[in-house]
């Protein structure tokens, strides 16, 4: 399983019931502007990622530049010093 698939599975389980991959037309599209996640959803996703990946996400890093889109999330996590893969 890839990190991308982990996030897609979480989105499917919590919000989109199997349709997340189809809704995310490209990895750079905004989750907020396109209704993929709302602000509460982002909080839930961050908590899930911290727990699943065993890392701590700095609350100052929680901004659209790092988390508003699949590509941004993947780049942030893959560069995170505590990320050790799945």
C-alpha atoms as a PDB file:
ATOM      1  CA  UNK A   1       0.000   0.000   0.000  1.00  0.00           C
ATOM      2  CA  UNK A   2       1.175   3.496  -0.805  1.00  0.00           C
ATOM      3  CA  UNK A   3       0.729   6.615   1.281  1.00  0.00           C
ATOM      4  CA  UNK A   4      -1.615   7.948  -1.421  1.00  0.00           C
ATOM      5  CA  UNK A   5      -3.745   4.810  -1.185  1.00  0.00           C
ATOM      6  CA  UNK A   6      -3.830   5.041   2.607  1.00  0.00           C
ATOM      7  CA  UNK A   7      -5.300   8.554   2.339  1.00  0.00           C
ATOM      8  CA  UNK A   8      -7.754   7.528  -0.396  1.00  0.00           C
ATOM      9  CA  UNK A   9      -8.941   4.592   1.714  1.00  0.00           C
ATOM     10  CA  UNK A  10      -9.444   6.885   4.702  1.00  0.00           C
ATOM     11  CA  UNK A  11     -11.418   9.350   2.563  1.00  0.00           C
ATOM     12  CA  UNK A  12     -13.541   6.505   1.205  1.00  0.00           C
ATOM     13  CA  UNK A  13     -14.213   5.077   4.656  1.00  0.00           C
ATOM     14  CA  UNK A  14     -15.121   8.412   6.253  1.00  0.00           C
ATOM     15  CA  UNK A  15     -16.557  10.664   3.548  1.00  0.00           C
ATOM     16  CA  UNK A  16     -16.821   9.451  -0.024  1.00  0.00           C
ATOM     17  CA  UNK A  17     -17.782   5.769   0.201  1.00  0.00           C
ATOM     18  CA  UNK A  18     -15.579   4.464  -2.584  1.00  0.00           C
ATOM     19  CA  UNK A  19     -15.595   7.564  -4.780  1.00  0.00           C
ATOM     20  CA  UNK A  20     -12.534   9.474  -3.502  1.00  0.00           C
ATOM     21  CA  UNK A  21     -10.210   8.432  -6.328  1.00  0.00           C
ATOM     22  CA  UNK A  22     -12.741   9.635  -8.903  1.00  0.00           C
ATOM     23  CA  UNK A  23     -13.326  12.925  -7.108  1.00  0.00           C
ATOM     24  CA  UNK A  24      -9.616  13.732  -6.907  1.00  0.00           C
ATOM     25  CA  UNK A  25      -9.016  14.423 -10.590  1.00  0.00           C
ATOM     26  CA  UNK A  26      -5.411  15.428 -10.012  1.00  0.00           C
ATOM     27  CA  UNK A  27      -3.147  15.551  -6.984  1.00  0.00           C
ATOM     28  CA  UNK A  28      -2.869  19.362  -7.036  1.00  0.00           C
ATOM     29  CA  UNK A  29      -6.589  20.159  -6.792  1.00  0.00           C
ATOM     30  CA  UNK A  30      -7.786  21.822  -3.595  1.00  0.00           C
ATOM     31  CA  UNK A  31      -9.612  19.566  -1.157  1.00  0.00           C
ATOM     32  CA  UNK A  32     -11.393  22.578   0.364  1.00  0.00           C
ATOM     33  CA  UNK A  33     -12.490  24.275  -2.862  1.00  0.00           C
ATOM     34  CA  UNK A  34     -13.660  21.001  -4.386  1.00  0.00           C
ATOM     35  CA  UNK A  35     -15.549  19.665  -1.379  1.00  0.00           C
ATOM     36  CA  UNK A  36     -13.253  16.713  -0.716  1.00  0.00           C
ATOM     37  CA  UNK A  37     -12.769  17.742   2.934  1.00  0.00           C
ATOM     38  CA  UNK A  38     -13.985  20.514   5.188  1.00  0.00           C
ATOM     39  CA  UNK A  39     -12.044  21.974   8.126  1.00  0.00           C
ATOM     40  CA  UNK A  40     -13.245  19.289  10.555  1.00  0.00           C
ATOM     41  CA  UNK A  41     -12.287  16.628   8.034  1.00  0.00           C
ATOM     42  CA  UNK A  42      -8.766  18.013   7.885  1.00  0.00           C
ATOM     43  CA  UNK A  43      -8.456  17.758  11.663  1.00  0.00           C
ATOM     44  CA  UNK A  44      -9.671  14.153  11.554  1.00  0.00           C
ATOM     45  CA  UNK A  45      -7.270  13.328   8.712  1.00  0.00           C
ATOM     46  CA  UNK A  46      -4.313  14.823  10.575  1.00  0.00           C
ATOM     47  CA  UNK A  47      -5.150  12.850  13.718  1.00  0.00           C
ATOM     48  CA  UNK A  48      -5.463   9.671  11.654  1.00  0.00           C
ATOM     49  CA  UNK A  49      -2.113  10.269   9.918  1.00  0.00           C
ATOM     50  CA  UNK A  50      -0.339  11.013  13.199  1.00  0.00           C
ATOM     51  CA  UNK A  51      -1.682   7.815  14.726  1.00  0.00           C
ATOM     52  CA  UNK A  52      -1.177   5.558  11.695  1.00  0.00           C
ATOM     53  CA  UNK A  53       2.273   6.877  10.759  1.00  0.00           C
ATOM     54  CA  UNK A  54       3.497   7.336  14.346  1.00  0.00           C
ATOM     55  CA  UNK A  55       4.581  10.926  13.829  1.00  0.00           C
ATOM     56  CA  UNK A  56       3.720  14.352  15.200  1.00  0.00           C
ATOM     57  CA  UNK A  57       2.506  17.015  12.816  1.00  0.00           C
ATOM     58  CA  UNK A  58       3.453  20.498  13.976  1.00  0.00           C
ATOM     59  CA  UNK A  59       0.267  22.522  14.325  1.00  0.00           C
ATOM     60  CA  UNK A  60       1.983  25.509  12.697  1.00  0.00           C
ATOM     61  CA  UNK A  61       2.402  23.339   9.595  1.00  0.00           C
ATOM     62  CA  UNK A  62      -1.355  22.874   9.288  1.00  0.00           C
ATOM     63  CA  UNK A  63      -2.007  25.295   6.475  1.00  0.00           C
ATOM     64  CA  UNK A  64      -3.238  25.136   2.872  1.00  0.00           C
ATOM     65  CA  UNK A  65       0.336  25.163   1.540  1.00  0.00           C
ATOM     66  CA  UNK A  66       0.949  21.789   3.220  1.00  0.00           C
ATOM     67  CA  UNK A  67      -2.453  20.110   3.417  1.00  0.00           C
ATOM     68  CA  UNK A  68      -4.953  21.400   0.839  1.00  0.00           C
ATOM     69  CA  UNK A  69      -4.551  18.659  -1.750  1.00  0.00           C
ATOM     70  CA  UNK A  70      -3.235  15.154  -2.153  1.00  0.00           C
ATOM     71  CA  UNK A  71       0.106  16.245  -3.635  1.00  0.00           C
ATOM     72  CA  UNK A  72       0.721  18.754  -0.856  1.00  0.00           C
ATOM     73  CA  UNK A  73      -0.076  16.197   1.847  1.00  0.00           C
ATOM     74  CA  UNK A  74       2.157  13.569   0.246  1.00  0.00           C
ATOM     75  CA  UNK A  75       5.074  15.977  -0.149  1.00  0.00           C
ATOM     76  CA  UNK A  76       4.721  17.197   3.440  1.00  0.00           C
ATOM     77  CA  UNK A  77       4.569  13.697   4.912  1.00  0.00           C
ATOM     78  CA  UNK A  78       7.363  12.247   2.778  1.00  0.00           C
ATOM     79  CA  UNK A  79       9.635  15.118   3.873  1.00  0.00           C
ATOM     80  CA  UNK A  80       8.632  14.836   7.524  1.00  0.00           C
ATOM     81  CA  UNK A  81      11.668  13.873   9.657  1.00  0.00           C
ATOM     82  CA  UNK A  82       9.693  11.234  11.576  1.00  0.00           C
ATOM     83  CA  UNK A  83       8.168   9.561   8.492  1.00  0.00           C
ATOM     84  CA  UNK A  84       9.446   5.998   8.137  1.00  0.00           C
ATOM     85  CA  UNK A  85       7.064   4.723   5.491  1.00  0.00           C
ATOM     86  CA  UNK A  86       4.072   2.466   5.918  1.00  0.00           C
END
